[in-house]
Amino acid sequence: MLSLAIALLIAAALSLILMNFTLSSAVKRQLKCEIIMLTHSVDLHNINMNWNPRGEELLWRPDIMAPKRDKPDVLSYDYRLKGGFINDFISTMKRMLPYCEVRYAF
């Protein structure tokens, strides 16, 4: 099984390629994005398992997640890993969509 980071990068790269070929020049000049890493709870995990079990297998990674400080029943990716995931995504995105500005990432 692919690691979570690799799977997310592949999915993102495919989306970026499609965007690059379909967006007009006017849209490309205005394009901005926001990068939001998911938080998760056991309840949401159970709902997602019914909706998209294969996708949830990639997202539900308690081994690399930690409880949020303000909501202990909600898991978030470890900040050190999360920073690496975001940096990897931005690097890939900038290679494929150099005209797209990142407004913020968290």
C-alpha atoms as a PDB file:
ATOM      1  CA  MET A   1       0.000   0.000   0.000  1.00  0.00           C
ATOM      2  CA  LEU A   2       1.234   3.466  -0.830  1.00  0.00           C
ATOM      3  CA  SER A   3       2.014   5.750   2.038  1.00  0.00           C
ATOM      4  CA  LEU A   4      -0.504   8.476   2.750  1.00  0.00           C
ATOM      5  CA  ALA A   5       1.824  11.227   1.562  1.00  0.00           C
ATOM      6  CA  ILE A   6       2.553   9.508  -1.753  1.00  0.00           C
ATOM      7  CA  ALA A   7      -1.119   8.711  -2.382  1.00  0.00           C
ATOM      8  CA  LEU A   8      -2.133  12.305  -1.675  1.00  0.00           C
ATOM      9  CA  LEU A   9       0.621  13.651  -3.902  1.00  0.00           C
ATOM     10  CA  ILE A  10      -0.422  11.387  -6.777  1.00  0.00           C
ATOM     11  CA  ALA A  11      -4.063  12.442  -6.457  1.00  0.00           C
ATOM     12  CA  ALA A  12      -3.062  16.093  -6.226  1.00  0.00           C
ATOM     13  CA  ALA A  13      -0.705  15.808  -9.207  1.00  0.00           C
ATOM     14  CA  LEU A  14      -3.434  14.297 -11.397  1.00  0.00           C
ATOM     15  CA  SER A  15      -5.841  17.055 -10.412  1.00  0.00           C
ATOM     16  CA  LEU A  16      -3.209  19.694 -11.130  1.00  0.00           C
ATOM     17  CA  ILE A  17      -2.480  18.277 -14.583  1.00  0.00           C
ATOM     18  CA  LEU A  18      -6.180  18.362 -15.467  1.00  0.00           C
ATOM     19  CA  MET A  19      -6.479  21.925 -14.208  1.00  0.00           C
ATOM     20  CA  ASN A  20      -3.447  23.073 -16.174  1.00  0.00           C
ATOM     21  CA  PHE A  21      -4.938  21.914 -19.468  1.00  0.00           C
ATOM     22  CA  THR A  22      -8.501  23.101 -18.920  1.00  0.00           C
ATOM     23  CA  LEU A  23      -8.225  26.531 -17.287  1.00  0.00           C
ATOM     24  CA  SER A  24      -8.289  29.643 -19.444  1.00  0.00           C
ATOM     25  CA  SER A  25      -5.560  32.291 -19.199  1.00  0.00           C
ATOM     26  CA  ALA A  26      -7.985  34.646 -17.433  1.00  0.00           C
ATOM     27  CA  VAL A  27      -8.762  32.055 -14.784  1.00  0.00           C
ATOM     28  CA  LYS A  28      -5.081  31.191 -14.313  1.00  0.00           C
ATOM     29  CA  ARG A  29      -4.304  34.853 -13.565  1.00  0.00           C
ATOM     30  CA  GLN A  30      -6.871  34.846 -10.746  1.00  0.00           C
ATOM     31  CA  LEU A  31      -6.236  31.370  -9.353  1.00  0.00           C
ATOM     32  CA  LYS A  32      -5.462  31.055  -5.642  1.00  0.00           C
ATOM     33  CA  CYS A  33      -5.724  28.048  -3.389  1.00  0.00           C
ATOM     34  CA  GLU A  34      -5.992  27.136   0.265  1.00  0.00           C
ATOM     35  CA  ILE A  35      -4.458  23.999   1.707  1.00  0.00           C
ATOM     36  CA  ILE A  36      -6.360  22.486   4.593  1.00  0.00           C
ATOM     37  CA  MET A  37      -5.254  19.261   6.256  1.00  0.00           C
ATOM     38  CA  LEU A  38      -8.100  17.187   7.601  1.00  0.00           C
ATOM     39  CA  THR A  39      -9.001  16.549  11.186  1.00  0.00           C
ATOM     40  CA  HIS A  40     -10.866  13.404  12.077  1.00  0.00           C
ATOM     41  CA  SER A  41     -12.943  11.833  14.803  1.00  0.00           C
ATOM     42  CA  VAL A  42     -13.993   8.245  15.340  1.00  0.00           C
ATOM     43  CA  ASP A  43     -17.583   9.247  14.521  1.00  0.00           C
ATOM     44  CA  LEU A  44     -16.543  10.835  11.218  1.00  0.00           C
ATOM     45  CA  HIS A  45     -14.336   7.844  10.460  1.00  0.00           C
ATOM     46  CA  ASN A  46     -17.306   5.498  10.852  1.00  0.00           C
ATOM     47  CA  ILE A  47     -19.473   7.647   8.563  1.00  0.00           C
ATOM     48  CA  ASN A  48     -16.697   7.817   5.957  1.00  0.00           C
ATOM     49  CA  MET A  49     -16.212   4.040   6.046  1.00  0.00           C
ATOM     50  CA  ASN A  50     -19.797   3.678   4.814  1.00  0.00           C
ATOM     51  CA  TRP A  51     -19.399   6.390   2.196  1.00  0.00           C
ATOM     52  CA  ASN A  52     -15.906   5.714   0.780  1.00  0.00           C
ATOM     53  CA  PRO A  53     -13.996   2.935   2.542  1.00  0.00           C
ATOM     54  CA  ARG A  54     -10.999   2.984   0.150  1.00  0.00           C
ATOM     55  CA  GLY A  55     -10.482   6.714   0.577  1.00  0.00           C
ATOM     56  CA  GLU A  56     -10.932   6.422   4.303  1.00  0.00           C
ATOM     57  CA  GLU A  57      -8.220   3.768   4.472  1.00  0.00           C
ATOM     58  CA  LEU A  58      -5.799   6.402   3.169  1.00  0.00           C
ATOM     59  CA  LEU A  59      -7.046   9.168   5.477  1.00  0.00           C
ATOM     60  CA  TRP A  60      -7.569   7.330   8.767  1.00  0.00           C
ATOM     61  CA  ARG A  61      -4.063   7.029  10.153  1.00  0.00           C
ATOM     62  CA  PRO A  62      -4.181   7.174  13.966  1.00  0.00           C
ATOM     63  CA  ASP A  63      -0.549   6.007  13.960  1.00  0.00           C
ATOM     64  CA  ILE A  64       0.509   9.430  12.645  1.00  0.00           C
ATOM     65  CA  MET A  65      -2.290  11.489  14.173  1.00  0.00           C
ATOM     66  CA  ALA A  66      -2.650  13.040  17.605  1.00  0.00           C
ATOM     67  CA  PRO A  67      -5.618  14.378  19.589  1.00  0.00           C
ATOM     68  CA  LYS A  68      -6.284  18.077  19.078  1.00  0.00           C
ATOM     69  CA  ARG A  69      -5.483  20.123  22.179  1.00  0.00           C
ATOM     70  CA  ASP A  70      -8.896  21.766  22.334  1.00  0.00           C
ATOM     71  CA  LYS A  71     -10.886  18.678  21.226  1.00  0.00           C
ATOM     72  CA  PRO A  72      -9.343  15.454  22.519  1.00  0.00           C
ATOM     73  CA  ASP A  73     -11.875  13.286  20.635  1.00  0.00           C
ATOM     74  CA  VAL A  74     -10.718  14.752  17.293  1.00  0.00           C
ATOM     75  CA  LEU A  75      -7.487  13.606  15.655  1.00  0.00           C
ATOM     76  CA  SER A  76      -5.214  15.796  13.574  1.00  0.00           C
ATOM     77  CA  TYR A  77      -2.034  14.926  11.714  1.00  0.00           C
ATOM     78  CA  ASP A  78       1.091  15.391  13.789  1.00  0.00           C
ATOM     79  CA  TYR A  79       2.351  18.928  13.160  1.00  0.00           C
ATOM     80  CA  ARG A  80       5.806  17.810  12.042  1.00  0.00           C
ATOM     81  CA  LEU A  81       4.353  15.418   9.459  1.00  0.00           C
ATOM     82  CA  LYS A  82       1.668  17.893   8.475  1.00  0.00           C
ATOM     83  CA  GLY A  83       4.307  20.522   7.699  1.00  0.00           C
ATOM     84  CA  GLY A  84       6.143  18.043   5.508  1.00  0.00           C
ATOM     85  CA  PHE A  85       2.948  17.060   3.687  1.00  0.00           C
ATOM     86  CA  ILE A  86       2.107  20.708   3.050  1.00  0.00           C
ATOM     87  CA  ASN A  87       5.633  21.497   1.822  1.00  0.00           C
ATOM     88  CA  ASP A  88       5.572  18.471  -0.500  1.00  0.00           C
ATOM     89  CA  PHE A  89       2.194  19.500  -1.866  1.00  0.00           C
ATOM     90  CA  ILE A  90       3.252  23.125  -2.434  1.00  0.00           C
ATOM     91  CA  SER A  91       6.462  22.017  -4.194  1.00  0.00           C
ATOM     92  CA  THR A  92       4.506  19.716  -6.494  1.00  0.00           C
ATOM     93  CA  MET A  93       1.848  22.335  -7.126  1.00  0.00           C
ATOM     94  CA  LYS A  94       4.403  25.053  -7.956  1.00  0.00           C
ATOM     95  CA  ARG A  95       6.057  22.783 -10.508  1.00  0.00           C
ATOM     96  CA  MET A  96       2.733  21.989 -12.157  1.00  0.00           C
ATOM     97  CA  LEU A  97       0.750  25.208 -11.630  1.00  0.00           C
ATOM     98  CA  PRO A  98       3.336  27.965 -11.248  1.00  0.00           C
ATOM     99  CA  TYR A  99       0.624  30.614 -11.686  1.00  0.00           C
ATOM    100  CA  CYS A 100      -1.379  29.421  -8.658  1.00  0.00           C
ATOM    101  CA  GLU A 101      -0.833  31.384  -5.460  1.00  0.00           C
ATOM    102  CA  VAL A 102      -1.233  29.688  -2.063  1.00  0.00           C
ATOM    103  CA  ARG A 103      -3.319  32.000   0.085  1.00  0.00           C
ATOM    104  CA  TYR A 104      -2.699  29.994   3.235  1.00  0.00           C
ATOM    105  CA  ALA A 105      -2.089  26.477   4.468  1.00  0.00           C
ATOM    106  CA  PHE A 106      -2.954  24.813   7.749  1.00  0.00           C
END
